[in-house]
């Protein structure tokens, strides 16, 4: 696997502390955070809203999204709504918020242009699906072979295990972020995590690389390999 593996008792608390430490290292300047989706991400953002809402200077933070379902932002399946409900409405206004809006013309290109016009993202939060996907980079999907230079593309799960068309950062876009943080919690992720640990290239998450990659993993996700 690429990056450092840190086994923790509580992934959400470890993530919140990492974000706090990252924000303090950037203070008093601006910082940027790219959000994820899913149940583990929701837990992480709830913990962040509870334990770090007054520690981080949110008016200096710009919010991005690493992937999004092609649904209205108010839809229950929207990653934007997840982050809004779990974090943003509790911490006050950010410097800027850049949701992925699928309802505009050529949304992937529009988001890519916005990325190109902005400084590199300081921290991107990623999860790990049971099939080994991360962001919306699904096994055997078209986005895995995105043309060189593309930062955001539309994508679908060819096996239809994950509903909705998606917008997603490419491997290249993720690699340009200054810090990449995975959070992996629960026994349901053990098999996928082991595939990444073993370098199984059929798992898209195995291909993630960058200047600094951190995997925050709990003991349930590590399973029998806790002592590894």
C-alpha atoms as a PDB file:
ATOM      1  CA  UNK A   1       0.000   0.000   0.000  1.00  0.00           C
ATOM      2  CA  UNK A   2       1.012   3.585  -0.468  1.00  0.00           C
ATOM      3  CA  UNK A   3       1.434   5.721   2.639  1.00  0.00           C
ATOM      4  CA  UNK A   4       1.502   5.098   6.375  1.00  0.00           C
ATOM      5  CA  UNK A   5      -0.915   2.841   8.237  1.00  0.00           C
ATOM      6  CA  UNK A   6      -2.095   4.000  11.663  1.00  0.00           C
ATOM      7  CA  UNK A   7      -4.305   1.638  13.669  1.00  0.00           C
ATOM      8  CA  UNK A   8      -6.536   3.602  16.061  1.00  0.00           C
ATOM      9  CA  UNK A   9      -9.274   2.817  18.561  1.00  0.00           C
ATOM     10  CA  UNK A  10     -11.693   5.393  17.128  1.00  0.00           C
ATOM     11  CA  UNK A  11     -11.336   6.434  13.474  1.00  0.00           C
ATOM     12  CA  UNK A  12     -13.631   9.455  13.751  1.00  0.00           C
ATOM     13  CA  UNK A  13     -11.762  10.904  16.729  1.00  0.00           C
ATOM     14  CA  UNK A  14      -8.405  10.246  15.093  1.00  0.00           C
ATOM     15  CA  UNK A  15      -9.575  11.979  11.923  1.00  0.00           C
ATOM     16  CA  UNK A  16     -10.852  15.007  13.839  1.00  0.00           C
ATOM     17  CA  UNK A  17      -7.548  15.341  15.674  1.00  0.00           C
ATOM     18  CA  UNK A  18      -5.601  15.036  12.426  1.00  0.00           C
ATOM     19  CA  UNK A  19      -7.672  17.823  10.837  1.00  0.00           C
ATOM     20  CA  UNK A  20      -7.158  20.023  13.896  1.00  0.00           C
ATOM     21  CA  UNK A  21      -3.409  19.439  13.805  1.00  0.00           C
ATOM     22  CA  UNK A  22      -3.355  20.167  10.093  1.00  0.00           C
ATOM     23  CA  UNK A  23      -5.297  23.400  10.532  1.00  0.00           C
ATOM     24  CA  UNK A  24      -2.989  24.536  13.340  1.00  0.00           C
ATOM     25  CA  UNK A  25       0.063  23.920  11.164  1.00  0.00           C
ATOM     26  CA  UNK A  26      -1.453  26.169   8.481  1.00  0.00           C
ATOM     27  CA  UNK A  27      -2.553  28.920  10.883  1.00  0.00           C
ATOM     28  CA  UNK A  28      -3.125  31.771  10.443  1.00  0.00           C
ATOM     29  CA  UNK A  29      -3.292  31.220   6.689  1.00  0.00           C
ATOM     30  CA  UNK A  30      -6.118  29.670   4.682  1.00  0.00           C
ATOM     31  CA  UNK A  31      -6.519  25.930   4.197  1.00  0.00           C
ATOM     32  CA  UNK A  32      -8.673  23.670   2.054  1.00  0.00           C
ATOM     33  CA  UNK A  33     -10.400  20.371   2.721  1.00  0.00           C
ATOM     34  CA  UNK A  34     -11.989  17.999   0.210  1.00  0.00           C
ATOM     35  CA  UNK A  35     -14.856  15.995   1.687  1.00  0.00           C
ATOM     36  CA  UNK A  36     -15.990  12.425   1.137  1.00  0.00           C
ATOM     37  CA  UNK A  37     -19.241  10.525   1.598  1.00  0.00           C
ATOM     38  CA  UNK A  38     -20.464   7.377   3.308  1.00  0.00           C
ATOM     39  CA  UNK A  39     -21.187   6.322   6.870  1.00  0.00           C
ATOM     40  CA  UNK A  40     -17.597   6.520   8.106  1.00  0.00           C
ATOM     41  CA  UNK A  41     -17.248  10.017   6.667  1.00  0.00           C
ATOM     42  CA  UNK A  42     -20.489  11.055   8.376  1.00  0.00           C
ATOM     43  CA  UNK A  43     -19.109   9.848  11.716  1.00  0.00           C
ATOM     44  CA  UNK A  44     -15.864  11.728  11.089  1.00  0.00           C
ATOM     45  CA  UNK A  45     -17.643  14.997  10.311  1.00  0.00           C
ATOM     46  CA  UNK A  46     -19.965  14.695  13.298  1.00  0.00           C
ATOM     47  CA  UNK A  47     -16.967  14.195  15.536  1.00  0.00           C
ATOM     48  CA  UNK A  48     -15.212  17.126  13.878  1.00  0.00           C
ATOM     49  CA  UNK A  49     -18.233  19.338  14.518  1.00  0.00           C
ATOM     50  CA  UNK A  50     -18.304  18.312  18.191  1.00  0.00           C
ATOM     51  CA  UNK A  51     -14.648  18.329  19.135  1.00  0.00           C
ATOM     52  CA  UNK A  52     -13.130  20.921  16.818  1.00  0.00           C
ATOM     53  CA  UNK A  53     -15.866  23.392  15.964  1.00  0.00           C
ATOM     54  CA  UNK A  54     -14.248  26.145  18.031  1.00  0.00           C
ATOM     55  CA  UNK A  55     -10.626  25.073  17.501  1.00  0.00           C
ATOM     56  CA  UNK A  56     -10.502  25.507  13.729  1.00  0.00           C
ATOM     57  CA  UNK A  57     -10.875  28.946  12.161  1.00  0.00           C
ATOM     58  CA  UNK A  58     -13.510  27.824   9.673  1.00  0.00           C
ATOM     59  CA  UNK A  59     -13.712  31.204   7.932  1.00  0.00           C
ATOM     60  CA  UNK A  60     -10.232  30.419   6.574  1.00  0.00           C
ATOM     61  CA  UNK A  61     -11.212  26.971   5.264  1.00  0.00           C
ATOM     62  CA  UNK A  62     -12.385  26.272   1.709  1.00  0.00           C
ATOM     63  CA  UNK A  63     -14.530  23.174   1.193  1.00  0.00           C
ATOM     64  CA  UNK A  64     -14.302  20.894  -1.853  1.00  0.00           C
ATOM     65  CA  UNK A  65     -15.815  17.502  -2.700  1.00  0.00           C
ATOM     66  CA  UNK A  66     -13.791  14.593  -4.043  1.00  0.00           C
ATOM     67  CA  UNK A  67     -16.863  12.931  -5.522  1.00  0.00           C
ATOM     68  CA  UNK A  68     -20.603  13.334  -5.711  1.00  0.00           C
ATOM     69  CA  UNK A  69     -23.689  11.531  -6.913  1.00  0.00           C
ATOM     70  CA  UNK A  70     -25.505  13.179  -9.805  1.00  0.00           C
ATOM     71  CA  UNK A  71     -28.530  14.130  -7.714  1.00  0.00           C
ATOM     72  CA  UNK A  72     -29.772  17.502  -6.423  1.00  0.00           C
ATOM     73  CA  UNK A  73     -27.643  18.852  -3.581  1.00  0.00           C
ATOM     74  CA  UNK A  74     -30.635  18.566  -1.254  1.00  0.00           C
ATOM     75  CA  UNK A  75     -31.151  14.869  -2.062  1.00  0.00           C
ATOM     76  CA  UNK A  76     -30.696  12.385   0.774  1.00  0.00           C
ATOM     77  CA  UNK A  77     -28.010  10.616  -1.311  1.00  0.00           C
ATOM     78  CA  UNK A  78     -25.971  13.781  -1.897  1.00  0.00           C
ATOM     79  CA  UNK A  79     -22.501  13.946  -0.361  1.00  0.00           C
ATOM     80  CA  UNK A  80     -22.965  17.693  -0.099  1.00  0.00           C
ATOM     81  CA  UNK A  81     -26.059  17.196   2.035  1.00  0.00           C
ATOM     82  CA  UNK A  82     -24.227  14.669   4.206  1.00  0.00           C
ATOM     83  CA  UNK A  83     -21.441  17.164   4.914  1.00  0.00           C
ATOM     84  CA  UNK A  84     -23.911  20.012   5.351  1.00  0.00           C
ATOM     85  CA  UNK A  85     -25.943  18.079   7.923  1.00  0.00           C
ATOM     86  CA  UNK A  86     -23.019  16.507   9.787  1.00  0.00           C
ATOM     87  CA  UNK A  87     -20.603  19.436   9.829  1.00  0.00           C
ATOM     88  CA  UNK A  88     -21.157  22.664   7.945  1.00  0.00           C
ATOM     89  CA  UNK A  89     -24.372  23.809   9.601  1.00  0.00           C
ATOM     90  CA  UNK A  90     -22.710  23.370  13.002  1.00  0.00           C
ATOM     91  CA  UNK A  91     -19.434  25.231  12.462  1.00  0.00           C
ATOM     92  CA  UNK A  92     -20.464  28.461  10.775  1.00  0.00           C
ATOM     93  CA  UNK A  93     -19.553  29.797   7.345  1.00  0.00           C
ATOM     94  CA  UNK A  94     -16.435  28.653   5.514  1.00  0.00           C
ATOM     95  CA  UNK A  95     -14.296  30.928   3.365  1.00  0.00           C
ATOM     96  CA  UNK A  96     -15.858  29.244   0.327  1.00  0.00           C
ATOM     97  CA  UNK A  97     -17.781  26.074  -0.439  1.00  0.00           C
ATOM     98  CA  UNK A  98     -17.494  24.359  -3.832  1.00  0.00           C
ATOM     99  CA  UNK A  99     -20.097  21.593  -4.200  1.00  0.00           C
ATOM    100  CA  UNK A 100     -20.119  19.452  -7.322  1.00  0.00           C
ATOM    101  CA  UNK A 101     -23.266  20.523  -9.165  1.00  0.00           C
ATOM    102  CA  UNK A 102     -24.409  17.889 -11.625  1.00  0.00           C
ATOM    103  CA  UNK A 103     -27.276  20.013 -12.945  1.00  0.00           C
ATOM    104  CA  UNK A 104     -25.050  22.523 -14.756  1.00  0.00           C
ATOM    105  CA  UNK A 105     -23.719  21.968 -18.304  1.00  0.00           C
ATOM    106  CA  UNK A 106     -20.635  19.716 -18.440  1.00  0.00           C
ATOM    107  CA  UNK A 107     -20.257  19.577 -14.646  1.00  0.00           C
ATOM    108  CA  UNK A 108     -17.022  17.555 -14.622  1.00  0.00           C
ATOM    109  CA  UNK A 109     -15.244  20.052 -16.861  1.00  0.00           C
ATOM    110  CA  UNK A 110     -16.620  23.002 -14.867  1.00  0.00           C
ATOM    111  CA  UNK A 111     -15.321  21.565 -11.587  1.00  0.00           C
ATOM    112  CA  UNK A 112     -11.996  20.730 -13.175  1.00  0.00           C
ATOM    113  CA  UNK A 113     -11.598  24.325 -14.342  1.00  0.00           C
ATOM    114  CA  UNK A 114     -12.372  25.530 -10.829  1.00  0.00           C
ATOM    115  CA  UNK A 115      -9.689  23.229  -9.447  1.00  0.00           C
ATOM    116  CA  UNK A 116      -7.123  24.420 -11.972  1.00  0.00           C
ATOM    117  CA  UNK A 117      -7.766  28.041 -10.991  1.00  0.00           C
ATOM    118  CA  UNK A 118      -7.196  27.310  -7.284  1.00  0.00           C
ATOM    119  CA  UNK A 119      -4.184  26.374  -5.127  1.00  0.00           C
ATOM    120  CA  UNK A 120      -3.659  22.661  -4.471  1.00  0.00           C
ATOM    121  CA  UNK A 121      -6.048  21.207  -1.904  1.00  0.00           C
ATOM    122  CA  UNK A 122      -4.371  20.841   1.467  1.00  0.00           C
ATOM    123  CA  UNK A 123      -6.195  17.708   2.641  1.00  0.00           C
ATOM    124  CA  UNK A 124      -8.499  15.275   0.888  1.00  0.00           C
ATOM    125  CA  UNK A 125     -10.545  12.792   2.896  1.00  0.00           C
ATOM    126  CA  UNK A 126     -11.178   9.410   1.274  1.00  0.00           C
ATOM    127  CA  UNK A 127     -12.993   6.243   2.251  1.00  0.00           C
ATOM    128  CA  UNK A 128     -12.738   2.637   1.143  1.00  0.00           C
ATOM    129  CA  UNK A 129     -15.635   0.664  -0.299  1.00  0.00           C
ATOM    130  CA  UNK A 130     -16.078  -3.090   0.232  1.00  0.00           C
ATOM    131  CA  UNK A 131     -15.175  -3.547  -3.445  1.00  0.00           C
ATOM    132  CA  UNK A 132     -11.945  -1.586  -3.050  1.00  0.00           C
ATOM    133  CA  UNK A 133     -13.202   1.655  -4.584  1.00  0.00           C
ATOM    134  CA  UNK A 134     -12.370   5.096  -3.277  1.00  0.00           C
ATOM    135  CA  UNK A 135     -13.989   8.411  -4.200  1.00  0.00           C
ATOM    136  CA  UNK A 136     -16.160   7.189  -7.102  1.00  0.00           C
ATOM    137  CA  UNK A 137     -13.342   5.259  -8.775  1.00  0.00           C
ATOM    138  CA  UNK A 138     -15.003   1.858  -9.101  1.00  0.00           C
ATOM    139  CA  UNK A 139     -13.372  -1.413 -10.204  1.00  0.00           C
ATOM    140  CA  UNK A 140     -13.337  -1.829 -13.994  1.00  0.00           C
ATOM    141  CA  UNK A 141     -14.963   1.586 -14.513  1.00  0.00           C
ATOM    142  CA  UNK A 142     -14.054   4.069 -17.234  1.00  0.00           C
ATOM    143  CA  UNK A 143     -12.639   6.597 -14.756  1.00  0.00           C
ATOM    144  CA  UNK A 144      -9.707   4.307 -13.960  1.00  0.00           C
ATOM    145  CA  UNK A 145      -8.326   5.025 -17.428  1.00  0.00           C
ATOM    146  CA  UNK A 146      -9.034   8.753 -17.562  1.00  0.00           C
ATOM    147  CA  UNK A 147      -6.951  10.646 -20.134  1.00  0.00           C
ATOM    148  CA  UNK A 148      -3.749  12.144 -18.781  1.00  0.00           C
ATOM    149  CA  UNK A 149      -4.374  15.572 -17.336  1.00  0.00           C
ATOM    150  CA  UNK A 150      -8.038  15.086 -16.477  1.00  0.00           C
ATOM    151  CA  UNK A 151      -8.854  15.992 -12.898  1.00  0.00           C
ATOM    152  CA  UNK A 152     -12.620  15.385 -12.716  1.00  0.00           C
ATOM    153  CA  UNK A 153     -14.714  12.956 -14.752  1.00  0.00           C
ATOM    154  CA  UNK A 154     -18.172  11.429 -14.708  1.00  0.00           C
ATOM    155  CA  UNK A 155     -18.347   7.733 -13.863  1.00  0.00           C
ATOM    156  CA  UNK A 156     -20.648   4.798 -13.153  1.00  0.00           C
ATOM    157  CA  UNK A 157     -20.189   1.551 -11.288  1.00  0.00           C
ATOM    158  CA  UNK A 158     -20.248  -1.050 -14.110  1.00  0.00           C
ATOM    159  CA  UNK A 159     -21.574  -3.673 -11.683  1.00  0.00           C
ATOM    160  CA  UNK A 160     -24.348  -1.319 -10.498  1.00  0.00           C
ATOM    161  CA  UNK A 161     -23.563  -1.994  -6.850  1.00  0.00           C
ATOM    162  CA  UNK A 162     -23.343   1.761  -6.288  1.00  0.00           C
ATOM    163  CA  UNK A 163     -26.338   3.663  -7.690  1.00  0.00           C
ATOM    164  CA  UNK A 164     -26.366   6.956  -9.596  1.00  0.00           C
ATOM    165  CA  UNK A 165     -23.956   8.399 -12.075  1.00  0.00           C
ATOM    166  CA  UNK A 166     -21.110  10.135 -10.246  1.00  0.00           C
ATOM    167  CA  UNK A 167     -18.660  12.992 -10.561  1.00  0.00           C
ATOM    168  CA  UNK A 168     -15.245  12.102  -9.189  1.00  0.00           C
ATOM    169  CA  UNK A 169     -11.681  13.256  -8.807  1.00  0.00           C
ATOM    170  CA  UNK A 170      -9.292  11.179 -10.888  1.00  0.00           C
ATOM    171  CA  UNK A 171      -6.166   9.523  -9.537  1.00  0.00           C
ATOM    172  CA  UNK A 172      -4.220  12.499 -10.876  1.00  0.00           C
ATOM    173  CA  UNK A 173      -6.367  15.034  -9.039  1.00  0.00           C
ATOM    174  CA  UNK A 174      -6.085  13.110  -5.775  1.00  0.00           C
ATOM    175  CA  UNK A 175      -2.304  12.839  -6.130  1.00  0.00           C
ATOM    176  CA  UNK A 176      -2.035  16.628  -6.400  1.00  0.00           C
ATOM    177  CA  UNK A 177      -3.531  17.159  -2.927  1.00  0.00           C
ATOM    178  CA  UNK A 178      -0.944  17.923  -0.282  1.00  0.00           C
ATOM    179  CA  UNK A 179      -2.225  15.301   2.153  1.00  0.00           C
ATOM    180  CA  UNK A 180      -4.442  12.288   1.492  1.00  0.00           C
ATOM    181  CA  UNK A 181      -6.266  10.772   4.467  1.00  0.00           C
ATOM    182  CA  UNK A 182      -8.174   7.486   4.318  1.00  0.00           C
ATOM    183  CA  UNK A 183     -10.536   6.472   7.106  1.00  0.00           C
ATOM    184  CA  UNK A 184     -11.495   2.786   7.285  1.00  0.00           C
ATOM    185  CA  UNK A 185     -13.751   1.466  10.033  1.00  0.00           C
ATOM    186  CA  UNK A 186     -15.568  -1.783  10.702  1.00  0.00           C
ATOM    187  CA  UNK A 187     -15.245  -5.454   9.855  1.00  0.00           C
ATOM    188  CA  UNK A 188     -17.149  -4.991   6.587  1.00  0.00           C
ATOM    189  CA  UNK A 189     -14.036  -3.271   5.190  1.00  0.00           C
ATOM    190  CA  UNK A 190     -11.524  -5.933   6.268  1.00  0.00           C
ATOM    191  CA  UNK A 191     -11.352  -7.818   2.986  1.00  0.00           C
ATOM    192  CA  UNK A 192     -10.984  -4.650   0.914  1.00  0.00           C
ATOM    193  CA  UNK A 193      -8.344  -3.272   3.264  1.00  0.00           C
ATOM    194  CA  UNK A 194      -6.352  -6.493   3.090  1.00  0.00           C
ATOM    195  CA  UNK A 195      -6.432  -6.318  -0.697  1.00  0.00           C
ATOM    196  CA  UNK A 196      -4.915  -2.837  -0.573  1.00  0.00           C
ATOM    197  CA  UNK A 197      -2.329  -3.912   2.001  1.00  0.00           C
ATOM    198  CA  UNK A 198      -1.336  -6.767  -0.309  1.00  0.00           C
ATOM    199  CA  UNK A 199      -1.025  -4.458  -3.321  1.00  0.00           C
ATOM    200  CA  UNK A 200      -3.970  -5.931  -5.218  1.00  0.00           C
ATOM    201  CA  UNK A 201      -4.164  -3.676  -8.272  1.00  0.00           C
ATOM    202  CA  UNK A 202      -7.763  -4.669  -8.980  1.00  0.00           C
ATOM    203  CA  UNK A 203      -8.732  -2.520  -5.998  1.00  0.00           C
ATOM    204  CA  UNK A 204      -8.745   1.107  -7.191  1.00  0.00           C
ATOM    205  CA  UNK A 205      -7.645   2.403  -3.777  1.00  0.00           C
ATOM    206  CA  UNK A 206      -4.345   0.567  -4.244  1.00  0.00           C
ATOM    207  CA  UNK A 207      -3.448   3.041  -7.003  1.00  0.00           C
ATOM    208  CA  UNK A 208      -3.717   6.140  -4.814  1.00  0.00           C
ATOM    209  CA  UNK A 209      -0.418   7.936  -4.325  1.00  0.00           C
ATOM    210  CA  UNK A 210       0.692  11.357  -3.221  1.00  0.00           C
ATOM    211  CA  UNK A 211       3.212  13.362  -1.228  1.00  0.00           C
ATOM    212  CA  UNK A 212       1.652  12.270   2.079  1.00  0.00           C
ATOM    213  CA  UNK A 213      -0.858   9.440   2.415  1.00  0.00           C
ATOM    214  CA  UNK A 214      -2.230   8.401   5.811  1.00  0.00           C
ATOM    215  CA  UNK A 215      -4.538   5.443   6.490  1.00  0.00           C
ATOM    216  CA  UNK A 216      -6.495   5.702   9.761  1.00  0.00           C
ATOM    217  CA  UNK A 217      -7.827   2.186  10.394  1.00  0.00           C
ATOM    218  CA  UNK A 218      -9.581   0.670  13.384  1.00  0.00           C
ATOM    219  CA  UNK A 219      -9.001  -2.789  14.829  1.00  0.00           C
ATOM    220  CA  UNK A 220     -12.260  -4.140  13.436  1.00  0.00           C
ATOM    221  CA  UNK A 221     -11.194  -3.234   9.899  1.00  0.00           C
ATOM    222  CA  UNK A 222      -7.734  -4.702  10.437  1.00  0.00           C
ATOM    223  CA  UNK A 223      -9.298  -7.986  11.546  1.00  0.00           C
ATOM    224  CA  UNK A 224      -6.842 -10.832  11.909  1.00  0.00           C
ATOM    225  CA  UNK A 225      -3.983  -8.607  10.741  1.00  0.00           C
ATOM    226  CA  UNK A 226      -4.051  -6.227  13.687  1.00  0.00           C
ATOM    227  CA  UNK A 227      -0.588  -7.334  14.716  1.00  0.00           C
ATOM    228  CA  UNK A 228       0.860  -7.057  11.241  1.00  0.00           C
END
